[in-house]
C-alpha cells in the first residue's frame, strides 16, 4: 500500500513541470499512464494479497464503469473538442480511473484511496486539457466510475459496515459493528 502511495505522489511531482508546457500528446500519455496505473493497482493489490473477493469486485467495478461508459457514447453522441469524432460523452478514461480509485478506497481505506483519487483527478484534467473531452464529459465519467466503485466493492474488514439510508424526511448513514 505504501509503495502505491509513494508511486502516486512521485508521479504527480514528476508530471507537474510537464503540465506547464504540455502538448496534446503529453496530455494523452498522462491520461493513459494514470488510467493504466490505477487499473493495475485496483486489480493487482487484491491479487498480491490473495484477496480473491477483492479481485473479483475490482474487476466488476472497473469493467462495469468501462462498459456503461462505452454504451453511453453510442446513446449520446457528442463531438469531441478536437473534432476527431462523436464519442466524447462520457469520458471512459475518467470513468475507469475513478472506478479503480473508488474500489481501492472502499476496499482498503482512505490511505490508498486518497492518492488514487488524486491520480484519477489528474486523468480527468488531462482529458480536458488534451482537448479530448469537455468538462461535463469528465464530470459524468467521474460520477459513473465513483458510483461503480462504491456500489460494487465492499470493505475488506466485514466487522464494520456503513450503509446510506433515506426516507421521506431525511437520511443518514447507519453503521453496524460486529464483535
C-alpha atoms as a PDB file:
ATOM      1  CA  UNK A   1       0.000   0.000   0.000  1.00  0.00           C
ATOM      2  CA  UNK A   2       2.755   2.428   0.931  1.00  0.00           C
ATOM      3  CA  UNK A   3       4.538   1.693  -2.327  1.00  0.00           C
ATOM      4  CA  UNK A   4       1.416   2.685  -4.265  1.00  0.00           C
ATOM      5  CA  UNK A   5       1.178   5.954  -2.342  1.00  0.00           C
ATOM      6  CA  UNK A   6       4.843   6.753  -2.962  1.00  0.00           C
ATOM      7  CA  UNK A   7       4.497   5.983  -6.683  1.00  0.00           C
ATOM      8  CA  UNK A   8       1.367   8.134  -6.990  1.00  0.00           C
ATOM      9  CA  UNK A   9       2.901  11.123  -5.227  1.00  0.00           C
ATOM     10  CA  UNK A  10       6.232  10.759  -7.054  1.00  0.00           C
ATOM     11  CA  UNK A  11       4.404  10.515 -10.398  1.00  0.00           C
ATOM     12  CA  UNK A  12       2.433  13.685  -9.684  1.00  0.00           C
ATOM     13  CA  UNK A  13       5.593  15.572  -8.743  1.00  0.00           C
ATOM     14  CA  UNK A  14       7.372  14.417 -11.902  1.00  0.00           C
ATOM     15  CA  UNK A  15       4.444  15.331 -14.139  1.00  0.00           C
ATOM     16  CA  UNK A  16       3.901  18.811 -12.681  1.00  0.00           C
ATOM     17  CA  UNK A  17       6.682  20.557 -14.691  1.00  0.00           C
ATOM     18  CA  UNK A  18       5.382  18.938 -17.888  1.00  0.00           C
ATOM     19  CA  UNK A  19       1.899  20.391 -17.318  1.00  0.00           C
ATOM     20  CA  UNK A  20       3.093  23.947 -17.905  1.00  0.00           C
ATOM     21  CA  UNK A  21       4.198  23.221 -21.491  1.00  0.00           C
ATOM     22  CA  UNK A  22       2.135  20.152 -22.257  1.00  0.00           C
ATOM     23  CA  UNK A  23       1.186  19.196 -25.786  1.00  0.00           C
ATOM     24  CA  UNK A  24      -1.846  17.121 -26.708  1.00  0.00           C
ATOM     25  CA  UNK A  25       0.432  14.071 -26.819  1.00  0.00           C
ATOM     26  CA  UNK A  26       1.710  14.756 -23.288  1.00  0.00           C
ATOM     27  CA  UNK A  27      -1.859  15.025 -22.016  1.00  0.00           C
ATOM     28  CA  UNK A  28      -2.804  11.791 -23.825  1.00  0.00           C
ATOM     29  CA  UNK A  29       0.204   9.973 -22.370  1.00  0.00           C
ATOM     30  CA  UNK A  30      -0.557  11.317 -18.897  1.00  0.00           C
ATOM     31  CA  UNK A  31      -4.159  10.097 -19.040  1.00  0.00           C
ATOM     32  CA  UNK A  32      -3.176   6.681 -20.410  1.00  0.00           C
ATOM     33  CA  UNK A  33      -0.442   6.134 -17.810  1.00  0.00           C
ATOM     34  CA  UNK A  34      -2.664   7.313 -14.941  1.00  0.00           C
ATOM     35  CA  UNK A  35      -5.602   5.151 -16.006  1.00  0.00           C
ATOM     36  CA  UNK A  36      -3.428   2.076 -16.545  1.00  0.00           C
ATOM     37  CA  UNK A  37      -1.629   2.519 -13.208  1.00  0.00           C
ATOM     38  CA  UNK A  38      -4.944   2.767 -11.355  1.00  0.00           C
ATOM     39  CA  UNK A  39      -6.398  -0.309 -13.053  1.00  0.00           C
ATOM     40  CA  UNK A  40      -3.231  -2.297 -12.322  1.00  0.00           C
ATOM     41  CA  UNK A  41      -3.332  -1.152  -8.676  1.00  0.00           C
ATOM     42  CA  UNK A  42      -7.048  -1.950  -8.298  1.00  0.00           C
ATOM     43  CA  UNK A  43      -6.660  -5.427  -9.772  1.00  0.00           C
ATOM     44  CA  UNK A  44      -3.126  -6.160  -8.569  1.00  0.00           C
ATOM     45  CA  UNK A  45      -3.469  -5.186  -4.913  1.00  0.00           C
ATOM     46  CA  UNK A  46      -6.068  -7.846  -4.084  1.00  0.00           C
ATOM     47  CA  UNK A  47      -4.243 -10.456  -6.178  1.00  0.00           C
ATOM     48  CA  UNK A  48      -0.955  -9.872  -4.336  1.00  0.00           C
ATOM     49  CA  UNK A  49      -2.806 -10.141  -1.010  1.00  0.00           C
ATOM     50  CA  UNK A  50      -4.672 -13.255  -2.185  1.00  0.00           C
ATOM     51  CA  UNK A  51      -7.915 -11.355  -1.644  1.00  0.00           C
ATOM     52  CA  UNK A  52      -9.914 -13.180  -4.323  1.00  0.00           C
ATOM     53  CA  UNK A  53     -13.202 -11.489  -3.450  1.00  0.00           C
ATOM     54  CA  UNK A  54     -11.495  -8.091  -3.739  1.00  0.00           C
ATOM     55  CA  UNK A  55     -10.055  -9.017  -7.146  1.00  0.00           C
ATOM     56  CA  UNK A  56     -13.488 -10.084  -8.360  1.00  0.00           C
ATOM     57  CA  UNK A  57     -15.089  -6.892  -7.047  1.00  0.00           C
ATOM     58  CA  UNK A  58     -12.378  -4.711  -8.616  1.00  0.00           C
ATOM     59  CA  UNK A  59     -12.845  -6.458 -11.964  1.00  0.00           C
ATOM     60  CA  UNK A  60     -16.588  -5.962 -11.776  1.00  0.00           C
ATOM     61  CA  UNK A  61     -16.312  -2.323 -10.783  1.00  0.00           C
ATOM     62  CA  UNK A  62     -13.775  -1.321 -13.429  1.00  0.00           C
ATOM     63  CA  UNK A  63     -15.469  -3.471 -16.074  1.00  0.00           C
ATOM     64  CA  UNK A  64     -18.937  -2.080 -15.358  1.00  0.00           C
ATOM     65  CA  UNK A  65     -17.763   1.542 -15.462  1.00  0.00           C
ATOM     66  CA  UNK A  66     -15.946   0.945 -18.737  1.00  0.00           C
ATOM     67  CA  UNK A  67     -18.823  -0.898 -20.412  1.00  0.00           C
ATOM     68  CA  UNK A  68     -21.512   1.557 -19.288  1.00  0.00           C
ATOM     69  CA  UNK A  69     -19.351   4.461 -20.419  1.00  0.00           C
ATOM     70  CA  UNK A  70     -18.831   2.909 -23.853  1.00  0.00           C
ATOM     71  CA  UNK A  71     -22.568   2.242 -24.144  1.00  0.00           C
ATOM     72  CA  UNK A  72     -23.446   5.835 -23.256  1.00  0.00           C
ATOM     73  CA  UNK A  73     -21.153   7.062 -26.043  1.00  0.00           C
ATOM     74  CA  UNK A  74     -23.465   5.368 -28.554  1.00  0.00           C
ATOM     75  CA  UNK A  75     -26.636   6.682 -26.919  1.00  0.00           C
ATOM     76  CA  UNK A  76     -25.403  10.287 -26.536  1.00  0.00           C
ATOM     77  CA  UNK A  77     -23.068  11.091 -29.457  1.00  0.00           C
ATOM     78  CA  UNK A  78     -21.122  14.234 -28.594  1.00  0.00           C
ATOM     79  CA  UNK A  79     -18.414  15.801 -30.753  1.00  0.00           C
ATOM     80  CA  UNK A  80     -15.008  15.927 -29.093  1.00  0.00           C
ATOM     81  CA  UNK A  81     -13.469  19.382 -28.585  1.00  0.00           C
ATOM     82  CA  UNK A  82     -10.766  18.499 -31.132  1.00  0.00           C
ATOM     83  CA  UNK A  83     -13.441  17.445 -33.650  1.00  0.00           C
ATOM     84  CA  UNK A  84     -11.932  13.974 -34.145  1.00  0.00           C
ATOM     85  CA  UNK A  85     -15.183  12.008 -33.653  1.00  0.00           C
ATOM     86  CA  UNK A  86     -18.555  11.952 -31.874  1.00  0.00           C
ATOM     87  CA  UNK A  87     -17.611   9.757 -28.889  1.00  0.00           C
ATOM     88  CA  UNK A  88     -16.856  12.380 -26.271  1.00  0.00           C
ATOM     89  CA  UNK A  89     -19.624  11.782 -23.699  1.00  0.00           C
ATOM     90  CA  UNK A  90     -18.808  10.435 -21.121  1.00  0.00           C
ATOM     91  CA  UNK A  91     -15.048  10.099 -20.641  1.00  0.00           C
ATOM     92  CA  UNK A  92     -14.190   6.405 -20.450  1.00  0.00           C
ATOM     93  CA  UNK A  93     -10.654   7.167 -19.238  1.00  0.00           C
ATOM     94  CA  UNK A  94     -12.138   9.101 -16.316  1.00  0.00           C
ATOM     95  CA  UNK A  95     -14.861   6.540 -15.574  1.00  0.00           C
ATOM     96  CA  UNK A  96     -12.333   3.708 -15.485  1.00  0.00           C
ATOM     97  CA  UNK A  97      -9.885   5.718 -13.365  1.00  0.00           C
ATOM     98  CA  UNK A  98     -12.477   6.761 -10.791  1.00  0.00           C
ATOM     99  CA  UNK A  99     -13.903   3.225 -10.640  1.00  0.00           C
ATOM    100  CA  UNK A 100     -10.429   1.916  -9.802  1.00  0.00           C
ATOM    101  CA  UNK A 101      -9.826   4.704  -7.259  1.00  0.00           C
ATOM    102  CA  UNK A 102     -13.203   4.226  -5.569  1.00  0.00           C
ATOM    103  CA  UNK A 103     -12.645   0.480  -5.463  1.00  0.00           C
ATOM    104  CA  UNK A 104      -9.273   0.948  -3.770  1.00  0.00           C
ATOM    105  CA  UNK A 105     -10.729   3.406  -1.259  1.00  0.00           C
ATOM    106  CA  UNK A 106     -13.830   1.376  -0.488  1.00  0.00           C
ATOM    107  CA  UNK A 107     -11.890  -1.878  -0.128  1.00  0.00           C
ATOM    108  CA  UNK A 108      -8.682  -0.709   1.575  1.00  0.00           C
ATOM    109  CA  UNK A 109      -9.414   2.717   3.079  1.00  0.00           C
ATOM    110  CA  UNK A 110      -8.534   6.353   2.576  1.00  0.00           C
ATOM    111  CA  UNK A 111      -4.757   5.913   2.830  1.00  0.00           C
ATOM    112  CA  UNK A 112      -4.867   4.142  -0.526  1.00  0.00           C
ATOM    113  CA  UNK A 113      -7.982   5.890  -1.810  1.00  0.00           C
ATOM    114  CA  UNK A 114      -6.744   9.459  -1.432  1.00  0.00           C
ATOM    115  CA  UNK A 115      -3.691   9.143  -3.706  1.00  0.00           C
ATOM    116  CA  UNK A 116      -5.720   7.011  -6.105  1.00  0.00           C
ATOM    117  CA  UNK A 117      -8.335   9.752  -6.356  1.00  0.00           C
ATOM    118  CA  UNK A 118      -5.574  12.305  -6.908  1.00  0.00           C
ATOM    119  CA  UNK A 119      -4.303  10.290  -9.877  1.00  0.00           C
ATOM    120  CA  UNK A 120      -7.869   9.846 -11.192  1.00  0.00           C
ATOM    121  CA  UNK A 121      -8.380  13.615 -10.976  1.00  0.00           C
ATOM    122  CA  UNK A 122      -5.197  14.172 -12.970  1.00  0.00           C
ATOM    123  CA  UNK A 123      -6.513  11.748 -15.598  1.00  0.00           C
ATOM    124  CA  UNK A 124      -9.727  13.775 -15.871  1.00  0.00           C
ATOM    125  CA  UNK A 125      -7.886  17.088 -16.099  1.00  0.00           C
ATOM    126  CA  UNK A 126      -5.574  15.708 -18.762  1.00  0.00           C
ATOM    127  CA  UNK A 127      -8.553  14.618 -20.894  1.00  0.00           C
ATOM    128  CA  UNK A 128      -9.917  18.184 -20.857  1.00  0.00           C
ATOM    129  CA  UNK A 129      -6.515  19.818 -21.363  1.00  0.00           C
ATOM    130  CA  UNK A 130      -5.728  17.437 -24.222  1.00  0.00           C
ATOM    131  CA  UNK A 131      -8.974  18.585 -25.949  1.00  0.00           C
ATOM    132  CA  UNK A 132     -10.405  15.070 -25.969  1.00  0.00           C
ATOM    133  CA  UNK A 133     -13.307  15.889 -23.639  1.00  0.00           C
ATOM    134  CA  UNK A 134     -15.477  18.714 -22.385  1.00  0.00           C
ATOM    135  CA  UNK A 135     -15.528  19.297 -18.628  1.00  0.00           C
ATOM    136  CA  UNK A 136     -19.001  17.733 -18.386  1.00  0.00           C
ATOM    137  CA  UNK A 137     -17.780  14.548 -20.138  1.00  0.00           C
ATOM    138  CA  UNK A 138     -15.157  14.191 -17.416  1.00  0.00           C
ATOM    139  CA  UNK A 139     -17.639  15.017 -14.635  1.00  0.00           C
ATOM    140  CA  UNK A 140     -20.057  12.362 -15.926  1.00  0.00           C
ATOM    141  CA  UNK A 141     -17.230   9.827 -16.219  1.00  0.00           C
ATOM    142  CA  UNK A 142     -16.067  10.572 -12.672  1.00  0.00           C
ATOM    143  CA  UNK A 143     -19.600  10.179 -11.315  1.00  0.00           C
ATOM    144  CA  UNK A 144     -20.099   6.926 -13.204  1.00  0.00           C
ATOM    145  CA  UNK A 145     -16.779   5.492 -12.037  1.00  0.00           C
ATOM    146  CA  UNK A 146     -17.252   6.587  -8.443  1.00  0.00           C
ATOM    147  CA  UNK A 147     -20.725   5.014  -8.329  1.00  0.00           C
ATOM    148  CA  UNK A 148     -19.436   1.785  -9.830  1.00  0.00           C
ATOM    149  CA  UNK A 149     -16.569   1.555  -7.350  1.00  0.00           C
ATOM    150  CA  UNK A 150     -18.717   2.301  -4.334  1.00  0.00           C
ATOM    151  CA  UNK A 151     -21.678   0.116  -5.291  1.00  0.00           C
ATOM    152  CA  UNK A 152     -19.760  -2.973  -6.398  1.00  0.00           C
ATOM    153  CA  UNK A 153     -16.995  -3.057  -3.783  1.00  0.00           C
ATOM    154  CA  UNK A 154     -17.252  -3.913  -0.096  1.00  0.00           C
ATOM    155  CA  UNK A 155     -14.816  -3.109   2.681  1.00  0.00           C
ATOM    156  CA  UNK A 156     -12.289  -5.849   3.286  1.00  0.00           C
ATOM    157  CA  UNK A 157     -12.949  -5.790   7.034  1.00  0.00           C
ATOM    158  CA  UNK A 158     -16.509  -7.099   7.292  1.00  0.00           C
ATOM    159  CA  UNK A 159     -16.688  -6.286  11.002  1.00  0.00           C
ATOM    160  CA  UNK A 160     -17.651  -2.701  10.143  1.00  0.00           C
ATOM    161  CA  UNK A 161     -20.427  -1.845   7.701  1.00  0.00           C
ATOM    162  CA  UNK A 162     -21.745   1.582   6.808  1.00  0.00           C
ATOM    163  CA  UNK A 163     -24.917   1.883   4.762  1.00  0.00           C
ATOM    164  CA  UNK A 164     -26.614   5.038   3.489  1.00  0.00           C
ATOM    165  CA  UNK A 165     -30.362   5.346   4.134  1.00  0.00           C
ATOM    166  CA  UNK A 166     -33.128   7.798   3.427  1.00  0.00           C
ATOM    167  CA  UNK A 167     -36.842   8.195   3.977  1.00  0.00           C
ATOM    168  CA  UNK A 168     -39.347  10.911   3.120  1.00  0.00           C
ATOM    169  CA  UNK A 169     -37.988  13.285   5.749  1.00  0.00           C
ATOM    170  CA  UNK A 170     -34.232  12.800   5.799  1.00  0.00           C
ATOM    171  CA  UNK A 171     -31.338  10.429   5.517  1.00  0.00           C
ATOM    172  CA  UNK A 172     -28.063   9.400   7.008  1.00  0.00           C
ATOM    173  CA  UNK A 173     -25.596   6.599   7.420  1.00  0.00           C
ATOM    174  CA  UNK A 174     -26.262   3.513   9.511  1.00  0.00           C
ATOM    175  CA  UNK A 175     -23.204   1.816  10.960  1.00  0.00           C
ATOM    176  CA  UNK A 176     -23.069  -1.769  12.212  1.00  0.00           C
ATOM    177  CA  UNK A 177     -20.184  -3.210  14.210  1.00  0.00           C
ATOM    178  CA  UNK A 178     -19.622  -6.945  14.627  1.00  0.00           C
ATOM    179  CA  UNK A 179     -17.583  -8.119  17.627  1.00  0.00           C
END
